[in-house]
Amino acid sequence: PAPAIPALFAPSIIAVWAAAYGAHALAARAASPILALVPPA
């Protein structure tokens, strides 16, 4: 476990945000719930 320095934590927020948004887009817009699990996994 590393300290939450900006160089590591800012990209992590981007990654988690993109995965959550992408999961919603795949499950709700594209009606593909299985594909929606790929980014979080």
Full PDB file with SEQRES, HELIX, SHEET, SSBOND, CRYST1, ORIGX, SCALE, CONECT and MASTER records, all heavy atoms in Angstrom:
SEQRES   1 A   41  PRO ALA PRO ALA ILE PRO ALA LEU PHE ALA PRO SER ILE          
SEQRES   2 A   41  ILE ALA VAL TRP ALA ALA ALA TYR GLY ALA HIS ALA LEU          
SEQRES   3 A   41  ALA ALA ARG ALA ALA SER PRO ILE LEU ALA LEU VAL PRO          
SEQRES   4 A   41  PRO ALA                                                      
HELIX    1 AA1 PRO A    6  HIS A   24  1                                  19    
HELIX    2 AA2 ALA A   25  ARG A   29  3                                   5    
HELIX    3 AA3 PRO A   33  ALA A   36  1                                   4    
CRYST1    1.000    1.000    1.000  90.00  90.00  90.00 P 1           1          
ORIGX1      1.000000  0.000000  0.000000        0.00000                         
ORIGX2      0.000000  1.000000  0.000000        0.00000                         
ORIGX3      0.000000  0.000000  1.000000        0.00000                         
SCALE1      1.000000  0.000000  0.000000        0.00000                         
SCALE2      0.000000  1.000000  0.000000        0.00000                         
SCALE3      0.000000  0.000000  1.000000        0.00000                         
ATOM      1  N   PRO A   1       0.826  -1.209   0.000  1.00  0.00           N  
ATOM      2  CA  PRO A   1       0.000   0.000   0.000  1.00  0.00           C  
ATOM      3  C   PRO A   1       0.862   1.262   0.000  1.00  0.00           C  
ATOM      4  O   PRO A   1       1.759   1.418   0.817  1.00  0.00           O  
ATOM      5  CB  PRO A   1      -0.805  -0.121   1.302  1.00  0.00           C  
ATOM      6  CG  PRO A   1       0.056  -0.951   2.193  1.00  0.00           C  
ATOM      7  CD  PRO A   1       0.811  -1.892   1.312  1.00  0.00           C  
ATOM      8  N   ALA A   2       0.580   2.150  -0.942  1.00  0.00           N  
ATOM      9  CA  ALA A   2       1.372   3.355  -1.144  1.00  0.00           C  
ATOM     10  C   ALA A   2       0.659   4.559  -0.542  1.00  0.00           C  
ATOM     11  O   ALA A   2      -0.561   4.548  -0.354  1.00  0.00           O  
ATOM     12  CB  ALA A   2       1.595   3.585  -2.641  1.00  0.00           C  
ATOM     13  N   PRO A   3       1.387   5.611  -0.230  1.00  0.00           N  
ATOM     14  CA  PRO A   3       0.723   6.848   0.208  1.00  0.00           C  
ATOM     15  C   PRO A   3      -0.086   7.450  -0.924  1.00  0.00           C  
ATOM     16  O   PRO A   3       0.264   7.309  -2.098  1.00  0.00           O  
ATOM     17  CB  PRO A   3       1.902   7.743   0.614  1.00  0.00           C  
ATOM     18  CG  PRO A   3       3.078   7.209  -0.135  1.00  0.00           C  
ATOM     19  CD  PRO A   3       2.865   5.737  -0.248  1.00  0.00           C  
ATOM     20  N   ALA A   4      -1.159   8.117  -0.571  1.00  0.00           N  
ATOM     21  CA  ALA A   4      -2.066   8.691  -1.585  1.00  0.00           C  
ATOM     22  C   ALA A   4      -1.522  10.019  -2.087  1.00  0.00           C  
ATOM     23  O   ALA A   4      -2.143  11.075  -1.934  1.00  0.00           O  
ATOM     24  CB  ALA A   4      -3.464   8.855  -1.003  1.00  0.00           C  
ATOM     25  N   ILE A   5      -0.343   9.971  -2.727  1.00  0.00           N  
ATOM     26  CA  ILE A   5       0.254  11.169  -3.300  1.00  0.00           C  
ATOM     27  C   ILE A   5      -0.495  11.525  -4.581  1.00  0.00           C  
ATOM     28  O   ILE A   5      -1.083  10.648  -5.231  1.00  0.00           O  
ATOM     29  CB  ILE A   5       1.753  10.954  -3.572  1.00  0.00           C  
ATOM     30  CG1 ILE A   5       1.958   9.740  -4.476  1.00  0.00           C  
ATOM     31  CG2 ILE A   5       2.523  10.780  -2.276  1.00  0.00           C  
ATOM     32  CD1 ILE A   5       3.404   9.491  -4.842  1.00  0.00           C  
ATOM     33  N   PRO A   6      -0.507  12.792  -4.982  1.00  0.00           N  
ATOM     34  CA  PRO A   6      -1.280  13.188  -6.167  1.00  0.00           C  
ATOM     35  C   PRO A   6      -0.928  12.409  -7.426  1.00  0.00           C  
ATOM     36  O   PRO A   6      -1.815  12.093  -8.231  1.00  0.00           O  
ATOM     37  CB  PRO A   6      -0.959  14.675  -6.309  1.00  0.00           C  
ATOM     38  CG  PRO A   6      -0.644  15.129  -4.925  1.00  0.00           C  
ATOM     39  CD  PRO A   6       0.056  13.965  -4.284  1.00  0.00           C  
ATOM     40  N   ALA A   7       0.348  12.078  -7.630  1.00  0.00           N  
ATOM     41  CA  ALA A   7       0.752  11.382  -8.848  1.00  0.00           C  
ATOM     42  C   ALA A   7       0.117  10.002  -8.964  1.00  0.00           C  
ATOM     43  O   ALA A   7      -0.019   9.469 -10.068  1.00  0.00           O  
ATOM     44  CB  ALA A   7       2.278  11.255  -8.903  1.00  0.00           C  
ATOM     45  N   LEU A   8      -0.282   9.409  -7.848  1.00  0.00           N  
ATOM     46  CA  LEU A   8      -0.925   8.106  -7.870  1.00  0.00           C  
ATOM     47  C   LEU A   8      -2.431   8.196  -7.642  1.00  0.00           C  
ATOM     48  O   LEU A   8      -3.202   7.443  -8.248  1.00  0.00           O  
ATOM     49  CB  LEU A   8      -0.304   7.192  -6.803  1.00  0.00           C  
ATOM     50  CG  LEU A   8       1.182   6.883  -6.945  1.00  0.00           C  
ATOM     51  CD1 LEU A   8       1.644   6.006  -5.807  1.00  0.00           C  
ATOM     52  CD2 LEU A   8       1.481   6.216  -8.281  1.00  0.00           C  
ATOM     53  N   PHE A   9      -2.852   9.125  -6.766  1.00  0.00           N  
ATOM     54  CA  PHE A   9      -4.268   9.157  -6.389  1.00  0.00           C  
ATOM     55  C   PHE A   9      -5.133   9.799  -7.470  1.00  0.00           C  
ATOM     56  O   PHE A   9      -6.264   9.351  -7.714  1.00  0.00           O  
ATOM     57  CB  PHE A   9      -4.431   9.897  -5.064  1.00  0.00           C  
ATOM     58  CG  PHE A   9      -5.781   9.690  -4.431  1.00  0.00           C  
ATOM     59  CD1 PHE A   9      -6.236   8.421  -4.158  1.00  0.00           C  
ATOM     60  CD2 PHE A   9      -6.590  10.765  -4.131  1.00  0.00           C  
ATOM     61  CE1 PHE A   9      -7.478   8.214  -3.581  1.00  0.00           C  
ATOM     62  CE2 PHE A   9      -7.834  10.580  -3.557  1.00  0.00           C  
ATOM     63  CZ  PHE A   9      -8.277   9.298  -3.279  1.00  0.00           C  
ATOM     64  N   ALA A  10      -4.639  10.855  -8.123  1.00  0.00           N  
ATOM     65  CA  ALA A  10      -5.425  11.490  -9.187  1.00  0.00           C  
ATOM     66  C   ALA A  10      -5.716  10.519 -10.330  1.00  0.00           C  
ATOM     67  O   ALA A  10      -6.870  10.406 -10.773  1.00  0.00           O  
ATOM     68  CB  ALA A  10      -4.709  12.742  -9.698  1.00  0.00           C  
ATOM     69  N   PRO A  11      -4.724   9.775 -10.858  1.00  0.00           N  
ATOM     70  CA  PRO A  11      -5.055   8.782 -11.890  1.00  0.00           C  
ATOM     71  C   PRO A  11      -5.987   7.692 -11.387  1.00  0.00           C  
ATOM     72  O   PRO A  11      -6.777   7.143 -12.160  1.00  0.00           O  
ATOM     73  CB  PRO A  11      -3.685   8.207 -12.283  1.00  0.00           C  
ATOM     74  CG  PRO A  11      -2.704   9.258 -11.904  1.00  0.00           C  
ATOM     75  CD  PRO A  11      -3.261   9.903 -10.677  1.00  0.00           C  
ATOM     76  N   SER A  12      -5.921   7.367 -10.096  1.00  0.00           N  
ATOM     77  CA  SER A  12      -6.815   6.347  -9.552  1.00  0.00           C  
ATOM     78  C   SER A  12      -8.256   6.826  -9.573  1.00  0.00           C  
ATOM     79  O   SER A  12      -9.171   6.038  -9.876  1.00  0.00           O  
ATOM     80  CB  SER A  12      -6.392   5.991  -8.124  1.00  0.00           C  
ATOM     81  OG  SER A  12      -5.094   5.450  -8.095  1.00  0.00           O  
ATOM     82  N   ILE A  13      -8.477   8.093  -9.250  1.00  0.00           N  
ATOM     83  CA  ILE A  13      -9.833   8.634  -9.323  1.00  0.00           C  
ATOM     84  C   ILE A  13     -10.332   8.594 -10.770  1.00  0.00           C  
ATOM     85  O   ILE A  13     -11.493   8.242 -11.042  1.00  0.00           O  
ATOM     86  CB  ILE A  13      -9.880  10.064  -8.761  1.00  0.00           C  
ATOM     87  CG1 ILE A  13      -9.645  10.043  -7.250  1.00  0.00           C  
ATOM     88  CG2 ILE A  13     -11.206  10.730  -9.081  1.00  0.00           C  
ATOM     89  CD1 ILE A  13      -9.690  11.409  -6.612  1.00  0.00           C  
ATOM     90  N   ILE A  14      -9.468   8.950 -11.714  1.00  0.00           N  
ATOM     91  CA  ILE A  14      -9.861   8.897 -13.123  1.00  0.00           C  
ATOM     92  C   ILE A  14     -10.232   7.477 -13.518  1.00  0.00           C  
ATOM     93  O   ILE A  14     -11.244   7.238 -14.200  1.00  0.00           O  
ATOM     94  CB  ILE A  14      -8.719   9.432 -14.010  1.00  0.00           C  
ATOM     95  CG1 ILE A  14      -8.477  10.924 -13.719  1.00  0.00           C  
ATOM     96  CG2 ILE A  14      -9.041   9.223 -15.480  1.00  0.00           C  
ATOM     97  CD1 ILE A  14      -7.295  11.503 -14.466  1.00  0.00           C  
ATOM     98  N   ALA A  15      -9.434   6.487 -13.085  1.00  0.00           N  
ATOM     99  CA  ALA A  15      -9.697   5.100 -13.447  1.00  0.00           C  
ATOM    100  C   ALA A  15     -11.011   4.606 -12.845  1.00  0.00           C  
ATOM    101  O   ALA A  15     -11.823   3.970 -13.531  1.00  0.00           O  
ATOM    102  CB  ALA A  15      -8.533   4.219 -12.992  1.00  0.00           C  
ATOM    103  N   VAL A  16     -11.227   4.887 -11.564  1.00  0.00           N  
ATOM    104  CA  VAL A  16     -12.455   4.432 -10.904  1.00  0.00           C  
ATOM    105  C   VAL A  16     -13.669   5.141 -11.489  1.00  0.00           C  
ATOM    106  O   VAL A  16     -14.730   4.531 -11.713  1.00  0.00           O  
ATOM    107  CB  VAL A  16     -12.345   4.657  -9.386  1.00  0.00           C  
ATOM    108  CG1 VAL A  16     -13.682   4.428  -8.705  1.00  0.00           C  
ATOM    109  CG2 VAL A  16     -11.300   3.725  -8.792  1.00  0.00           C  
ATOM    110  N   TRP A  17     -13.541   6.450 -11.740  1.00  0.00           N  
ATOM    111  CA  TRP A  17     -14.644   7.205 -12.331  1.00  0.00           C  
ATOM    112  C   TRP A  17     -15.002   6.650 -13.717  1.00  0.00           C  
ATOM    113  O   TRP A  17     -16.180   6.435 -14.026  1.00  0.00           O  
ATOM    114  CB  TRP A  17     -14.255   8.684 -12.426  1.00  0.00           C  
ATOM    115  CG  TRP A  17     -15.345   9.584 -12.938  1.00  0.00           C  
ATOM    116  CD1 TRP A  17     -15.760   9.730 -14.223  1.00  0.00           C  
ATOM    117  CD2 TRP A  17     -16.183  10.451 -12.157  1.00  0.00           C  
ATOM    118  NE1 TRP A  17     -16.785  10.637 -14.306  1.00  0.00           N  
ATOM    119  CE2 TRP A  17     -17.067  11.099 -13.050  1.00  0.00           C  
ATOM    120  CE3 TRP A  17     -16.258  10.752 -10.802  1.00  0.00           C  
ATOM    121  CZ2 TRP A  17     -18.005  12.024 -12.622  1.00  0.00           C  
ATOM    122  CZ3 TRP A  17     -17.200  11.676 -10.373  1.00  0.00           C  
ATOM    123  CH2 TRP A  17     -18.060  12.301 -11.273  1.00  0.00           C  
ATOM    124  N   ALA A  18     -13.995   6.418 -14.544  1.00  0.00           N  
ATOM    125  CA  ALA A  18     -14.239   5.897 -15.892  1.00  0.00           C  
ATOM    126  C   ALA A  18     -14.855   4.501 -15.845  1.00  0.00           C  
ATOM    127  O   ALA A  18     -15.754   4.178 -16.640  1.00  0.00           O  
ATOM    128  CB  ALA A  18     -12.935   5.871 -16.685  1.00  0.00           C  
ATOM    129  N   ALA A  19     -14.386   3.655 -14.924  1.00  0.00           N  
ATOM    130  CA  ALA A  19     -14.942   2.305 -14.823  1.00  0.00           C  
ATOM    131  C   ALA A  19     -16.402   2.349 -14.389  1.00  0.00           C  
ATOM    132  O   ALA A  19     -17.245   1.612 -14.927  1.00  0.00           O  
ATOM    133  CB  ALA A  19     -14.119   1.482 -13.827  1.00  0.00           C  
ATOM    134  N   ALA A  20     -16.735   3.204 -13.417  1.00  0.00           N  
ATOM    135  CA  ALA A  20     -18.118   3.298 -12.942  1.00  0.00           C  
ATOM    136  C   ALA A  20     -19.030   3.865 -14.024  1.00  0.00           C  
ATOM    137  O   ALA A  20     -20.133   3.352 -14.261  1.00  0.00           O  
ATOM    138  CB  ALA A  20     -18.172   4.154 -11.684  1.00  0.00           C  
ATOM    139  N   TYR A  21     -18.574   4.929 -14.694  1.00  0.00           N  
ATOM    140  CA  TYR A  21     -19.385   5.522 -15.760  1.00  0.00           C  
ATOM    141  C   TYR A  21     -19.549   4.540 -16.920  1.00  0.00           C  
ATOM    142  O   TYR A  21     -20.641   4.400 -17.481  1.00  0.00           O  
ATOM    143  CB  TYR A  21     -18.739   6.815 -16.240  1.00  0.00           C  
ATOM    144  CG  TYR A  21     -19.506   7.498 -17.347  1.00  0.00           C  
ATOM    145  CD1 TYR A  21     -20.541   8.376 -17.058  1.00  0.00           C  
ATOM    146  CD2 TYR A  21     -19.214   7.250 -18.688  1.00  0.00           C  
ATOM    147  CE1 TYR A  21     -21.262   8.993 -18.077  1.00  0.00           C  
ATOM    148  CE2 TYR A  21     -19.919   7.853 -19.705  1.00  0.00           C  
ATOM    149  CZ  TYR A  21     -20.941   8.732 -19.393  1.00  0.00           C  
ATOM    150  OH  TYR A  21     -21.660   9.332 -20.395  1.00  0.00           O  
ATOM    151  N   GLY A  22     -18.465   3.858 -17.294  1.00  0.00           N  
ATOM    152  CA  GLY A  22     -18.546   2.887 -18.370  1.00  0.00           C  
ATOM    153  C   GLY A  22     -19.465   1.722 -18.036  1.00  0.00           C  
ATOM    154  O   GLY A  22     -20.194   1.228 -18.907  1.00  0.00           O  
ATOM    155  N   ALA A  23     -19.453   1.276 -16.779  1.00  0.00           N  
ATOM    156  CA  ALA A  23     -20.345   0.194 -16.376  1.00  0.00           C  
ATOM    157  C   ALA A  23     -21.801   0.612 -16.521  1.00  0.00           C  
ATOM    158  O   ALA A  23     -22.651  -0.160 -16.992  1.00  0.00           O  
ATOM    159  CB  ALA A  23     -20.043  -0.217 -14.938  1.00  0.00           C  
ATOM    160  N   HIS A  24     -22.121   1.860 -16.141  1.00  0.00           N  
ATOM    161  CA  HIS A  24     -23.501   2.325 -16.293  1.00  0.00           C  
ATOM    162  C   HIS A  24     -23.883   2.427 -17.770  1.00  0.00           C  
ATOM    163  O   HIS A  24     -24.990   2.037 -18.169  1.00  0.00           O  
ATOM    164  CB  HIS A  24     -23.687   3.679 -15.615  1.00  0.00           C  
ATOM    165  CG  HIS A  24     -25.086   4.205 -15.713  1.00  0.00           C  
ATOM    166  ND1 HIS A  24     -25.539   4.892 -16.817  1.00  0.00           N  
ATOM    167  CD2 HIS A  24     -26.139   4.127 -14.865  1.00  0.00           C  
ATOM    168  CE1 HIS A  24     -26.809   5.218 -16.642  1.00  0.00           C  
ATOM    169  NE2 HIS A  24     -27.196   4.764 -15.464  1.00  0.00           N  
ATOM    170  N   ALA A  25     -22.986   2.964 -18.581  1.00  0.00           N  
ATOM    171  CA  ALA A  25     -23.295   3.101 -20.008  1.00  0.00           C  
ATOM    172  C   ALA A  25     -23.555   1.743 -20.647  1.00  0.00           C  
ATOM    173  O   ALA A  25     -24.485   1.585 -21.453  1.00  0.00           O  
ATOM    174  CB  ALA A  25     -22.151   3.814 -20.715  1.00  0.00           C  
ATOM    175  N   LEU A  26     -22.774   0.740 -20.292  1.00  0.00           N  
ATOM    176  CA  LEU A  26     -22.946  -0.587 -20.884  1.00  0.00           C  
ATOM    177  C   LEU A  26     -24.209  -1.270 -20.373  1.00  0.00           C  
ATOM    178  O   LEU A  26     -24.909  -1.950 -21.130  1.00  0.00           O  
ATOM    179  CB  LEU A  26     -21.719  -1.449 -20.591  1.00  0.00           C  
ATOM    180  CG  LEU A  26     -20.435  -1.044 -21.326  1.00  0.00           C  
ATOM    181  CD1 LEU A  26     -19.244  -1.781 -20.772  1.00  0.00           C  
ATOM    182  CD2 LEU A  26     -20.582  -1.330 -22.819  1.00  0.00           C  
ATOM    183  N   ALA A  27     -24.498  -1.104 -19.079  1.00  0.00           N  
ATOM    184  CA  ALA A  27     -25.659  -1.787 -18.510  1.00  0.00           C  
ATOM    185  C   ALA A  27     -26.960  -1.093 -18.862  1.00  0.00           C  
ATOM    186  O   ALA A  27     -27.958  -1.754 -19.181  1.00  0.00           O  
ATOM    187  CB  ALA A  27     -25.506  -1.892 -16.993  1.00  0.00           C  
ATOM    188  N   ALA A  28     -27.008   0.237 -18.808  1.00  0.00           N  
ATOM    189  CA  ALA A  28     -28.248   0.977 -18.992  1.00  0.00           C  
ATOM    190  C   ALA A  28     -28.478   1.381 -20.444  1.00  0.00           C  
ATOM    191  O   ALA A  28     -29.558   1.169 -20.996  1.00  0.00           O  
ATOM    192  CB  ALA A  28     -28.255   2.213 -18.097  1.00  0.00           C  
ATOM    193  N   ARG A  29     -27.468   1.974 -21.079  1.00  0.00           N  
ATOM    194  CA  ARG A  29     -27.649   2.437 -22.453  1.00  0.00           C  
ATOM    195  C   ARG A  29     -27.589   1.288 -23.455  1.00  0.00           C  
ATOM    196  O   ARG A  29     -28.416   1.195 -24.365  1.00  0.00           O  
ATOM    197  CB  ARG A  29     -26.599   3.484 -22.808  1.00  0.00           C  
ATOM    198  CG  ARG A  29     -26.819   4.850 -22.155  1.00  0.00           C  
ATOM    199  CD  ARG A  29     -25.731   5.808 -22.591  1.00  0.00           C  
ATOM    200  NE  ARG A  29     -25.921   7.150 -22.046  1.00  0.00           N  
ATOM    201  CZ  ARG A  29     -26.546   8.136 -22.687  1.00  0.00           C  
ATOM    202  NH1 ARG A  29     -27.042   7.924 -23.887  1.00  0.00           N  
ATOM    203  NH2 ARG A  29     -26.668   9.329 -22.127  1.00  0.00           N  
ATOM    204  N   ALA A  30     -26.562   0.426 -23.303  1.00  0.00           N  
ATOM    205  CA  ALA A  30     -26.374  -0.672 -24.256  1.00  0.00           C  
ATOM    206  C   ALA A  30     -27.085  -1.947 -23.852  1.00  0.00           C  
ATOM    207  O   ALA A  30     -27.086  -2.906 -24.632  1.00  0.00           O  
ATOM    208  CB  ALA A  30     -24.882  -0.954 -24.426  1.00  0.00           C  
ATOM    209  N   ALA A  31     -27.677  -1.980 -22.644  1.00  0.00           N  
ATOM    210  CA  ALA A  31     -28.371  -3.173 -22.151  1.00  0.00           C  
ATOM    211  C   ALA A  31     -27.466  -4.404 -22.210  1.00  0.00           C  
ATOM    212  O   ALA A  31     -27.892  -5.493 -22.600  1.00  0.00           O  
ATOM    213  CB  ALA A  31     -29.658  -3.411 -22.934  1.00  0.00           C  
ATOM    214  N   SER A  32     -26.199  -4.237 -21.813  1.00  0.00           N  
ATOM    215  CA  SER A  32     -25.228  -5.335 -21.808  1.00  0.00           C  
ATOM    216  C   SER A  32     -24.642  -5.470 -20.408  1.00  0.00           C  
ATOM    217  O   SER A  32     -23.511  -5.015 -20.148  1.00  0.00           O  
ATOM    218  CB  SER A  32     -24.111  -5.091 -22.838  1.00  0.00           C  
ATOM    219  OG  SER A  32     -24.640  -4.967 -24.137  1.00  0.00           O  
ATOM    220  N   PRO A  33     -25.375  -6.043 -19.477  1.00  0.00           N  
ATOM    221  CA  PRO A  33     -24.894  -6.089 -18.090  1.00  0.00           C  
ATOM    222  C   PRO A  33     -23.631  -6.915 -17.918  1.00  0.00           C  
ATOM    223  O   PRO A  33     -22.831  -6.630 -17.014  1.00  0.00           O  
ATOM    224  CB  PRO A  33     -26.082  -6.705 -17.336  1.00  0.00           C  
ATOM    225  CG  PRO A  33     -26.860  -7.453 -18.366  1.00  0.00           C  
ATOM    226  CD  PRO A  33     -26.706  -6.677 -19.630  1.00  0.00           C  
ATOM    227  N   ILE A  34     -23.437  -7.927 -18.741  1.00  0.00           N  
ATOM    228  CA  ILE A  34     -22.213  -8.733 -18.612  1.00  0.00           C  
ATOM    229  C   ILE A  34     -20.988  -7.901 -18.981  1.00  0.00           C  
ATOM    230  O   ILE A  34     -19.976  -7.906 -18.268  1.00  0.00           O  
ATOM    231  CB  ILE A  34     -22.308  -9.997 -19.481  1.00  0.00           C  
ATOM    232  CG1 ILE A  34     -23.523 -10.834 -19.077  1.00  0.00           C  
ATOM    233  CG2 ILE A  34     -21.032 -10.811 -19.355  1.00  0.00           C  
ATOM    234  CD1 ILE A  34     -23.501 -11.282 -17.645  1.00  0.00           C  
ATOM    235  N   LEU A  35     -21.057  -7.167 -20.085  1.00  0.00           N  
ATOM    236  CA  LEU A  35     -19.940  -6.297 -20.466  1.00  0.00           C  
ATOM    237  C   LEU A  35     -19.725  -5.196 -19.432  1.00  0.00           C  
ATOM    238  O   LEU A  35     -18.595  -4.715 -19.248  1.00  0.00           O  
ATOM    239  CB  LEU A  35     -20.199  -5.686 -21.840  1.00  0.00           C  
ATOM    240  CG  LEU A  35     -20.161  -6.636 -23.033  1.00  0.00           C  
ATOM    241  CD1 LEU A  35     -20.449  -5.880 -24.323  1.00  0.00           C  
ATOM    242  CD2 LEU A  35     -18.820  -7.342 -23.118  1.00  0.00           C  
ATOM    243  N   ALA A  36     -20.784  -4.782 -18.747  1.00  0.00           N  
ATOM    244  CA  ALA A  36     -20.648  -3.730 -17.737  1.00  0.00           C  
ATOM    245  C   ALA A  36     -19.773  -4.155 -16.572  1.00  0.00           C  
ATOM    246  O   ALA A  36     -19.233  -3.308 -15.854  1.00  0.00           O  
ATOM    247  CB  ALA A  36     -22.035  -3.331 -17.219  1.00  0.00           C  
ATOM    248  N   LEU A  37     -19.604  -5.453 -16.390  1.00  0.00           N  
ATOM    249  CA  LEU A  37     -18.776  -5.946 -15.282  1.00  0.00           C  
ATOM    250  C   LEU A  37     -17.291  -5.931 -15.598  1.00  0.00           C  
ATOM    251  O   LEU A  37     -16.467  -6.071 -14.689  1.00  0.00           O  
ATOM    252  CB  LEU A  37     -19.206  -7.374 -14.926  1.00  0.00           C  
ATOM    253  CG  LEU A  37     -20.689  -7.590 -14.605  1.00  0.00           C  
ATOM    254  CD1 LEU A  37     -20.942  -9.051 -14.300  1.00  0.00           C  
ATOM    255  CD2 LEU A  37     -21.119  -6.707 -13.452  1.00  0.00           C  
ATOM    256  N   VAL A  38     -16.933  -5.766 -16.870  1.00  0.00           N  
ATOM    257  CA  VAL A  38     -15.524  -5.875 -17.260  1.00  0.00           C  
ATOM    258  C   VAL A  38     -14.664  -4.750 -16.683  1.00  0.00           C  
ATOM    259  O   VAL A  38     -13.607  -5.018 -16.091  1.00  0.00           O  
ATOM    260  CB  VAL A  38     -15.402  -5.945 -18.793  1.00  0.00           C  
ATOM    261  CG1 VAL A  38     -13.935  -5.918 -19.223  1.00  0.00           C  
ATOM    262  CG2 VAL A  38     -16.087  -7.207 -19.322  1.00  0.00           C  
ATOM    263  N   PRO A  39     -15.041  -3.446 -16.825  1.00  0.00           N  
ATOM    264  CA  PRO A  39     -14.172  -2.401 -16.261  1.00  0.00           C  
ATOM    265  C   PRO A  39     -13.966  -2.519 -14.751  1.00  0.00           C  
ATOM    266  O   PRO A  39     -12.818  -2.451 -14.283  1.00  0.00           O  
ATOM    267  CB  PRO A  39     -14.902  -1.092 -16.650  1.00  0.00           C  
ATOM    268  CG  PRO A  39     -15.733  -1.462 -17.832  1.00  0.00           C  
ATOM    269  CD  PRO A  39     -16.169  -2.855 -17.584  1.00  0.00           C  
ATOM    270  N   PRO A  40     -15.026  -2.714 -13.931  1.00  0.00           N  
ATOM    271  CA  PRO A  40     -14.774  -2.886 -12.492  1.00  0.00           C  
ATOM    272  C   PRO A  40     -13.930  -4.119 -12.186  1.00  0.00           C  
ATOM    273  O   PRO A  40     -13.058  -4.079 -11.310  1.00  0.00           O  
ATOM    274  CB  PRO A  40     -16.184  -3.012 -11.900  1.00  0.00           C  
ATOM    275  CG  PRO A  40     -17.077  -2.364 -12.885  1.00  0.00           C  
ATOM    276  CD  PRO A  40     -16.471  -2.654 -14.218  1.00  0.00           C  
ATOM    277  N   ALA A  41     -14.171  -5.221 -12.912  1.00  0.00           N  
ATOM    278  CA  ALA A  41     -13.382  -6.426 -12.661  1.00  0.00           C  
ATOM    279  C   ALA A  41     -11.905  -6.196 -12.962  1.00  0.00           C  
ATOM    280  O   ALA A  41     -11.029  -6.722 -12.266  1.00  0.00           O  
ATOM    281  CB  ALA A  41     -13.915  -7.583 -13.509  1.00  0.00           C  
TER     282      ALA A  41                                                      
MASTER        0    0    0    3    0    0    0    6  281    1    0    4          
END                                                                             
